[in-house]
C-alpha atoms as a PDB file:
ATOM      1  CA  UNK A   1     -14.467  76.820 -33.214  1.00  0.00           C
ATOM      2  CA  UNK A   2     -18.147  77.081 -32.397  1.00  0.00           C
ATOM      3  CA  UNK A   3     -19.732  74.411 -30.282  1.00  0.00           C
ATOM      4  CA  UNK A   4     -22.828  72.647 -31.527  1.00  0.00           C
ATOM      5  CA  UNK A   5     -25.831  73.104 -29.325  1.00  0.00           C
ATOM      6  CA  UNK A   6     -27.941  70.048 -28.764  1.00  0.00           C
ATOM      7  CA  UNK A   7     -31.626  70.516 -28.239  1.00  0.00           C
ATOM      8  CA  UNK A   8     -34.243  67.917 -27.447  1.00  0.00           C
ATOM      9  CA  UNK A   9     -35.173  67.175 -31.079  1.00  0.00           C
ATOM     10  CA  UNK A  10     -31.520  66.587 -32.021  1.00  0.00           C
ATOM     11  CA  UNK A  11     -31.076  64.254 -29.072  1.00  0.00           C
ATOM     12  CA  UNK A  12     -34.225  62.307 -29.938  1.00  0.00           C
ATOM     13  CA  UNK A  13     -33.122  62.027 -33.581  1.00  0.00           C
ATOM     14  CA  UNK A  14     -29.665  60.743 -32.580  1.00  0.00           C
ATOM     15  CA  UNK A  15     -31.222  58.251 -30.165  1.00  0.00           C
ATOM     16  CA  UNK A  16     -33.692  57.026 -32.808  1.00  0.00           C
ATOM     17  CA  UNK A  17     -30.870  56.516 -35.334  1.00  0.00           C
ATOM     18  CA  UNK A  18     -28.884  54.601 -32.720  1.00  0.00           C
ATOM     19  CA  UNK A  19     -31.744  52.278 -31.767  1.00  0.00           C
ATOM     20  CA  UNK A  20     -32.964  51.682 -35.335  1.00  0.00           C
ATOM     21  CA  UNK A  21     -29.402  51.161 -36.592  1.00  0.00           C
ATOM     22  CA  UNK A  22     -28.692  48.655 -33.852  1.00  0.00           C
ATOM     23  CA  UNK A  23     -31.904  46.746 -34.572  1.00  0.00           C
ATOM     24  CA  UNK A  24     -31.258  46.736 -38.329  1.00  0.00           C
ATOM     25  CA  UNK A  25     -27.689  45.561 -37.818  1.00  0.00           C
ATOM     26  CA  UNK A  26     -28.834  42.794 -35.466  1.00  0.00           C
ATOM     27  CA  UNK A  27     -31.547  41.504 -37.772  1.00  0.00           C
ATOM     28  CA  UNK A  28     -29.284  41.641 -40.834  1.00  0.00           C
ATOM     29  CA  UNK A  29     -26.490  39.877 -38.946  1.00  0.00           C
ATOM     30  CA  UNK A  30     -28.733  36.982 -37.967  1.00  0.00           C
ATOM     31  CA  UNK A  31     -30.173  36.744 -41.480  1.00  0.00           C
ATOM     32  CA  UNK A  32     -26.841  36.822 -43.321  1.00  0.00           C
ATOM     33  CA  UNK A  33     -25.055  34.548 -40.826  1.00  0.00           C
ATOM     34  CA  UNK A  34     -27.781  31.913 -41.182  1.00  0.00           C
ATOM     35  CA  UNK A  35     -27.997  32.294 -44.947  1.00  0.00           C
ATOM     36  CA  UNK A  36     -24.235  32.117 -45.500  1.00  0.00           C
ATOM     37  CA  UNK A  37     -23.963  29.366 -42.864  1.00  0.00           C
ATOM     38  CA  UNK A  38     -25.652  26.948 -45.264  1.00  0.00           C
ATOM     39  CA  UNK A  39     -22.702  27.231 -47.655  1.00  0.00           C
ATOM     40  CA  UNK A  40     -19.656  27.716 -45.400  1.00  0.00           C
ATOM     41  CA  UNK A  41     -18.766  26.957 -41.783  1.00  0.00           C
ATOM     42  CA  UNK A  42     -20.248  29.025 -38.965  1.00  0.00           C
ATOM     43  CA  UNK A  43     -16.758  30.109 -37.882  1.00  0.00           C
ATOM     44  CA  UNK A  44     -16.464  32.088 -41.113  1.00  0.00           C
ATOM     45  CA  UNK A  45     -20.153  32.832 -41.747  1.00  0.00           C
ATOM     46  CA  UNK A  46     -20.703  34.901 -38.598  1.00  0.00           C
ATOM     47  CA  UNK A  47     -17.927  37.480 -39.221  1.00  0.00           C
ATOM     48  CA  UNK A  48     -18.965  37.757 -42.872  1.00  0.00           C
ATOM     49  CA  UNK A  49     -22.590  38.253 -41.818  1.00  0.00           C
ATOM     50  CA  UNK A  50     -21.603  40.959 -39.342  1.00  0.00           C
ATOM     51  CA  UNK A  51     -19.484  42.733 -41.951  1.00  0.00           C
ATOM     52  CA  UNK A  52     -22.267  42.721 -44.519  1.00  0.00           C
ATOM     53  CA  UNK A  53     -24.831  43.862 -41.938  1.00  0.00           C
ATOM     54  CA  UNK A  54     -22.688  46.774 -40.722  1.00  0.00           C
ATOM     55  CA  UNK A  55     -21.871  47.867 -44.271  1.00  0.00           C
ATOM     56  CA  UNK A  56     -25.537  47.764 -45.322  1.00  0.00           C
ATOM     57  CA  UNK A  57     -26.681  49.611 -42.204  1.00  0.00           C
ATOM     58  CA  UNK A  58     -24.140  52.404 -42.737  1.00  0.00           C
ATOM     59  CA  UNK A  59     -25.048  52.626 -46.411  1.00  0.00           C
ATOM     60  CA  UNK A  60     -28.751  52.943 -45.583  1.00  0.00           C
ATOM     61  CA  UNK A  61     -28.143  55.598 -42.925  1.00  0.00           C
ATOM     62  CA  UNK A  62     -26.007  57.615 -45.333  1.00  0.00           C
ATOM     63  CA  UNK A  63     -28.951  57.749 -47.751  1.00  0.00           C
ATOM     64  CA  UNK A  64     -30.750  59.882 -45.177  1.00  0.00           C
ATOM     65  CA  UNK A  65     -30.492  63.610 -45.874  1.00  0.00           C
ATOM     66  CA  UNK A  66     -28.831  64.429 -42.533  1.00  0.00           C
ATOM     67  CA  UNK A  67     -27.197  61.317 -41.053  1.00  0.00           C
ATOM     68  CA  UNK A  68     -25.966  61.349 -37.447  1.00  0.00           C
ATOM     69  CA  UNK A  69     -22.697  63.239 -37.035  1.00  0.00           C
ATOM     70  CA  UNK A  70     -20.774  60.104 -36.066  1.00  0.00           C
ATOM     71  CA  UNK A  71     -21.608  58.354 -39.350  1.00  0.00           C
ATOM     72  CA  UNK A  72     -21.263  61.280 -41.735  1.00  0.00           C
ATOM     73  CA  UNK A  73     -17.792  60.498 -43.106  1.00  0.00           C
ATOM     74  CA  UNK A  74     -17.540  56.751 -42.585  1.00  0.00           C
ATOM     75  CA  UNK A  75     -17.039  54.403 -45.524  1.00  0.00           C
ATOM     76  CA  UNK A  76     -19.523  51.494 -45.298  1.00  0.00           C
ATOM     77  CA  UNK A  77     -17.019  49.056 -46.809  1.00  0.00           C
ATOM     78  CA  UNK A  78     -14.265  49.917 -44.327  1.00  0.00           C
ATOM     79  CA  UNK A  79     -16.688  49.857 -41.377  1.00  0.00           C
ATOM     80  CA  UNK A  80     -18.021  46.451 -42.436  1.00  0.00           C
ATOM     81  CA  UNK A  81     -14.505  45.100 -42.893  1.00  0.00           C
ATOM     82  CA  UNK A  82     -13.412  46.354 -39.453  1.00  0.00           C
ATOM     83  CA  UNK A  83     -16.530  44.902 -37.808  1.00  0.00           C
ATOM     84  CA  UNK A  84     -15.992  41.522 -39.468  1.00  0.00           C
ATOM     85  CA  UNK A  85     -12.316  41.547 -38.491  1.00  0.00           C
ATOM     86  CA  UNK A  86     -13.225  42.428 -34.901  1.00  0.00           C
ATOM     87  CA  UNK A  87     -15.738  39.584 -34.683  1.00  0.00           C
ATOM     88  CA  UNK A  88     -13.241  37.142 -36.194  1.00  0.00           C
ATOM     89  CA  UNK A  89     -10.492  38.158 -33.779  1.00  0.00           C
ATOM     90  CA  UNK A  90     -12.818  37.945 -30.767  1.00  0.00           C
ATOM     91  CA  UNK A  91     -14.056  34.496 -31.826  1.00  0.00           C
ATOM     92  CA  UNK A  92     -10.473  33.255 -32.243  1.00  0.00           C
ATOM     93  CA  UNK A  93      -9.320  34.638 -28.880  1.00  0.00           C
ATOM     94  CA  UNK A  94     -12.373  33.526 -26.924  1.00  0.00           C
END
């Protein structure tokens, strides 16, 4: 199997996707958690907000012609569900 060679432009592109994806996920999480928090308790609103934010961020990045190699085969729904479940479990245990 041939190894992929990383050059500077590939590294910069991957880093830009990482930073922009993290910022988008953070902003969407705060928005959806606050919006949903008006209708249900915060204990449930935060994991739901995280799940929606992760799913939307992955969906947006998959609209790009060449998404980062880590995100290329990931289902946004499953990723959002796993993120919401992880936040819920961590909130319950902590």
